[in-house]
Amino acid sequence: MKLTRLAFIAALFVSCTSFGEGEADAARLLGTWSAKRGGDTISMTFGAKSVQMKVGDEGGSGTYAVDWTKKPVALDIDWGSHGKVTTIIELKGDVLKMENVEPGTERPKAFSTTAANFKRAQAKK
């Protein structure tokens, strides 16, 4: 269970590589996002080349690539020894919707009712 949980967390913290169109979207993805899932707070911080994820007291880091030309947008996260996740995202304002999958499974084709909805963390004043 810890591996699956860490893999989910890692999928949220990813390195950002965009290809093709979507540089403006890539810039909007940068920063910290948080969501509640199963009683846990999950936070993901996307950097220009990396992602960090934290669920409860556990965390991980990885790299990611985003294909903004795909509909829905394709996000690939490499969590290193924890595996690779191929998922989809939708970015609308300060909400990042992500369809989560287990490492090694096929990319989902559409969002389900259980997709995670992350909200952008507000900068501390």
C-alpha atoms as a PDB file:
ATOM      1  CA  MET A   1       0.000   0.000   0.000  1.00  0.00           C
ATOM      2  CA  LYS A   2       2.857   2.408   0.775  1.00  0.00           C
ATOM      3  CA  LEU A   3       4.309   1.884  -2.722  1.00  0.00           C
ATOM      4  CA  THR A   4       0.962   2.661  -4.368  1.00  0.00           C
ATOM      5  CA  ARG A   5       0.477   5.702  -2.158  1.00  0.00           C
ATOM      6  CA  LEU A   6       4.010   6.927  -2.859  1.00  0.00           C
ATOM      7  CA  ALA A   7       3.526   6.315  -6.596  1.00  0.00           C
ATOM      8  CA  PHE A   8       0.336   8.384  -6.503  1.00  0.00           C
ATOM      9  CA  ILE A   9       2.159  11.121  -4.661  1.00  0.00           C
ATOM     10  CA  ALA A  10       5.066  10.978  -7.053  1.00  0.00           C
ATOM     11  CA  ALA A  11       2.741  11.342  -9.989  1.00  0.00           C
ATOM     12  CA  LEU A  12       1.707  14.654  -8.576  1.00  0.00           C
ATOM     13  CA  PHE A  13       5.258  15.933  -8.148  1.00  0.00           C
ATOM     14  CA  VAL A  14       6.830  15.846 -11.585  1.00  0.00           C
ATOM     15  CA  SER A  15       9.495  17.523 -13.722  1.00  0.00           C
ATOM     16  CA  CYS A  16       7.935  19.757 -16.319  1.00  0.00           C
ATOM     17  CA  THR A  17       8.829  19.275 -19.943  1.00  0.00           C
ATOM     18  CA  SER A  18       6.438  20.622 -22.509  1.00  0.00           C
ATOM     19  CA  PHE A  19       6.669  19.885 -26.189  1.00  0.00           C
ATOM     20  CA  GLY A  20       4.817  21.405 -29.101  1.00  0.00           C
ATOM     21  CA  GLU A  21       2.172  23.911 -28.154  1.00  0.00           C
ATOM     22  CA  GLY A  22       1.251  24.977 -24.679  1.00  0.00           C
ATOM     23  CA  GLU A  23       4.184  26.945 -23.293  1.00  0.00           C
ATOM     24  CA  ALA A  24       1.685  29.352 -21.715  1.00  0.00           C
ATOM     25  CA  ASP A  25      -0.079  26.374 -20.094  1.00  0.00           C
ATOM     26  CA  ALA A  26       3.272  24.967 -18.978  1.00  0.00           C
ATOM     27  CA  ALA A  27       3.983  28.196 -17.099  1.00  0.00           C
ATOM     28  CA  ARG A  28       0.520  28.057 -15.489  1.00  0.00           C
ATOM     29  CA  LEU A  29       1.220  24.522 -14.219  1.00  0.00           C
ATOM     30  CA  LEU A  30       4.241  25.653 -12.201  1.00  0.00           C
ATOM     31  CA  GLY A  31       3.739  26.048  -8.462  1.00  0.00           C
ATOM     32  CA  THR A  32       2.103  24.155  -5.622  1.00  0.00           C
ATOM     33  CA  TRP A  33      -1.267  22.410  -5.859  1.00  0.00           C
ATOM     34  CA  SER A  34      -3.182  20.618  -3.097  1.00  0.00           C
ATOM     35  CA  ALA A  35      -6.132  18.244  -2.780  1.00  0.00           C
ATOM     36  CA  LYS A  36      -7.834  16.049  -0.179  1.00  0.00           C
ATOM     37  CA  ARG A  37      -8.063  12.313  -0.979  1.00  0.00           C
ATOM     38  CA  GLY A  38      -9.050   9.565   1.425  1.00  0.00           C
ATOM     39  CA  GLY A  39      -8.498  11.749   4.479  1.00  0.00           C
ATOM     40  CA  ASP A  40      -5.015  12.808   3.341  1.00  0.00           C
ATOM     41  CA  THR A  41      -3.850  16.161   2.063  1.00  0.00           C
ATOM     42  CA  ILE A  42      -1.828  15.747  -1.103  1.00  0.00           C
ATOM     43  CA  SER A  43       0.394  18.541  -2.296  1.00  0.00           C
ATOM     44  CA  MET A  44       2.297  18.631  -5.552  1.00  0.00           C
ATOM     45  CA  THR A  45       4.857  21.217  -6.544  1.00  0.00           C
ATOM     46  CA  PHE A  46       5.705  21.473 -10.235  1.00  0.00           C
ATOM     47  CA  GLY A  47       9.011  23.066 -11.142  1.00  0.00           C
ATOM     48  CA  ALA A  48      10.504  23.688 -14.562  1.00  0.00           C
ATOM     49  CA  LYS A  49      12.144  20.261 -14.613  1.00  0.00           C
ATOM     50  CA  SER A  50      10.937  18.453 -11.525  1.00  0.00           C
ATOM     51  CA  VAL A  51       7.931  17.647  -9.415  1.00  0.00           C
ATOM     52  CA  GLN A  52       7.643  16.948  -5.715  1.00  0.00           C
ATOM     53  CA  MET A  53       4.690  15.300  -4.054  1.00  0.00           C
ATOM     54  CA  LYS A  54       3.754  14.897  -0.427  1.00  0.00           C
ATOM     55  CA  VAL A  55       0.943  12.837   1.058  1.00  0.00           C
ATOM     56  CA  GLY A  56       0.714  13.037   4.793  1.00  0.00           C
ATOM     57  CA  ASP A  57       4.254  12.476   6.083  1.00  0.00           C
ATOM     58  CA  GLU A  58       5.420  10.671   2.939  1.00  0.00           C
ATOM     59  CA  GLY A  59       6.846  12.297  -0.137  1.00  0.00           C
ATOM     60  CA  GLY A  60       8.649  11.715  -3.364  1.00  0.00           C
ATOM     61  CA  SER A  61      10.041  13.411  -6.402  1.00  0.00           C
ATOM     62  CA  GLY A  62      10.248  12.673 -10.078  1.00  0.00           C
ATOM     63  CA  THR A  63      10.291  14.067 -13.556  1.00  0.00           C
ATOM     64  CA  TYR A  64       7.433  14.724 -15.931  1.00  0.00           C
ATOM     65  CA  ALA A  65       6.514  15.529 -19.508  1.00  0.00           C
ATOM     66  CA  VAL A  66       3.319  17.180 -20.702  1.00  0.00           C
ATOM     67  CA  ASP A  67       1.886  16.984 -24.221  1.00  0.00           C
ATOM     68  CA  TRP A  68      -0.394  20.016 -24.457  1.00  0.00           C
ATOM     69  CA  THR A  69      -1.383  19.099 -28.031  1.00  0.00           C
ATOM     70  CA  LYS A  70      -3.328  15.998 -26.870  1.00  0.00           C
ATOM     71  CA  LYS A  71      -6.996  16.219 -25.920  1.00  0.00           C
ATOM     72  CA  PRO A  72      -7.223  15.567 -23.028  1.00  0.00           C
ATOM     73  CA  VAL A  73      -3.720  16.798 -22.148  1.00  0.00           C
ATOM     74  CA  ALA A  74      -1.274  13.919 -21.551  1.00  0.00           C
ATOM     75  CA  LEU A  75       0.942  13.942 -18.449  1.00  0.00           C
ATOM     76  CA  ASP A  76       3.692  11.349 -17.984  1.00  0.00           C
ATOM     77  CA  ILE A  77       5.376  11.095 -14.591  1.00  0.00           C
ATOM     78  CA  ASP A  78       8.498   9.080 -13.923  1.00  0.00           C
ATOM     79  CA  TRP A  79       8.829   8.219 -10.238  1.00  0.00           C
ATOM     80  CA  GLY A  80      12.087   6.368 -10.761  1.00  0.00           C
ATOM     81  CA  SER A  81      12.085   3.009  -8.965  1.00  0.00           C
ATOM     82  CA  HIS A  82       8.373   3.486  -8.129  1.00  0.00           C
ATOM     83  CA  GLY A  83       7.403   3.350 -11.800  1.00  0.00           C
ATOM     84  CA  LYS A  84       5.950   5.545 -14.506  1.00  0.00           C
ATOM     85  CA  VAL A  85       2.446   6.948 -14.529  1.00  0.00           C
ATOM     86  CA  THR A  86       0.654   7.960 -17.720  1.00  0.00           C
ATOM     87  CA  THR A  87      -2.338  10.132 -16.924  1.00  0.00           C
ATOM     88  CA  ILE A  88      -4.427  13.034 -18.212  1.00  0.00           C
ATOM     89  CA  ILE A  89      -4.936  16.544 -16.842  1.00  0.00           C
ATOM     90  CA  GLU A  90      -7.139  19.565 -17.360  1.00  0.00           C
ATOM     91  CA  LEU A  91      -6.025  23.015 -16.237  1.00  0.00           C
ATOM     92  CA  LYS A  92      -8.739  25.640 -15.679  1.00  0.00           C
ATOM     93  CA  GLY A  93      -7.779  28.729 -13.738  1.00  0.00           C
ATOM     94  CA  ASP A  94      -6.645  27.685 -10.274  1.00  0.00           C
ATOM     95  CA  VAL A  95      -7.975  24.102 -10.598  1.00  0.00           C
ATOM     96  CA  LEU A  96      -5.878  21.201 -11.881  1.00  0.00           C
ATOM     97  CA  LYS A  97      -7.932  18.093 -12.624  1.00  0.00           C
ATOM     98  CA  MET A  98      -5.933  14.848 -12.793  1.00  0.00           C
ATOM     99  CA  GLU A  99      -7.085  11.327 -13.580  1.00  0.00           C
ATOM    100  CA  ASN A 100      -4.840   9.051 -11.541  1.00  0.00           C
ATOM    101  CA  VAL A 101      -3.710   5.598 -12.566  1.00  0.00           C
ATOM    102  CA  GLU A 102      -1.391   2.977 -11.175  1.00  0.00           C
ATOM    103  CA  PRO A 103       2.145   2.825 -12.534  1.00  0.00           C
ATOM    104  CA  GLY A 104       2.389   0.611 -15.616  1.00  0.00           C
ATOM    105  CA  THR A 105      -1.268   0.909 -16.665  1.00  0.00           C
ATOM    106  CA  GLU A 106      -2.616   2.516 -19.829  1.00  0.00           C
ATOM    107  CA  ARG A 107      -3.373   6.218 -20.008  1.00  0.00           C
ATOM    108  CA  PRO A 108      -7.066   6.905 -19.317  1.00  0.00           C
ATOM    109  CA  LYS A 109      -9.055   8.214 -22.269  1.00  0.00           C
ATOM    110  CA  ALA A 110     -11.425  10.381 -20.218  1.00  0.00           C
ATOM    111  CA  PHE A 111     -11.958  11.723 -16.705  1.00  0.00           C
ATOM    112  CA  SER A 112     -13.922   9.672 -14.181  1.00  0.00           C
ATOM    113  CA  THR A 113     -15.979  10.884 -11.243  1.00  0.00           C
ATOM    114  CA  THR A 114     -13.019  10.040  -8.978  1.00  0.00           C
ATOM    115  CA  ALA A 115     -10.508  12.326 -10.741  1.00  0.00           C
ATOM    116  CA  ALA A 116      -8.484  14.435  -8.313  1.00  0.00           C
ATOM    117  CA  ASN A 117      -9.163  18.184  -8.274  1.00  0.00           C
ATOM    118  CA  PHE A 118      -6.173  20.164  -7.036  1.00  0.00           C
ATOM    119  CA  LYS A 119      -6.372  23.808  -6.097  1.00  0.00           C
ATOM    120  CA  ARG A 120      -3.460  26.174  -6.495  1.00  0.00           C
ATOM    121  CA  ALA A 121      -1.929  27.061  -3.141  1.00  0.00           C
ATOM    122  CA  GLN A 122      -2.045  30.770  -2.489  1.00  0.00           C
ATOM    123  CA  ALA A 123       1.255  32.503  -1.898  1.00  0.00           C
ATOM    124  CA  LYS A 124       1.817  33.469   1.737  1.00  0.00           C
ATOM    125  CA  LYS A 125       1.547  37.201   2.342  1.00  0.00           C
END
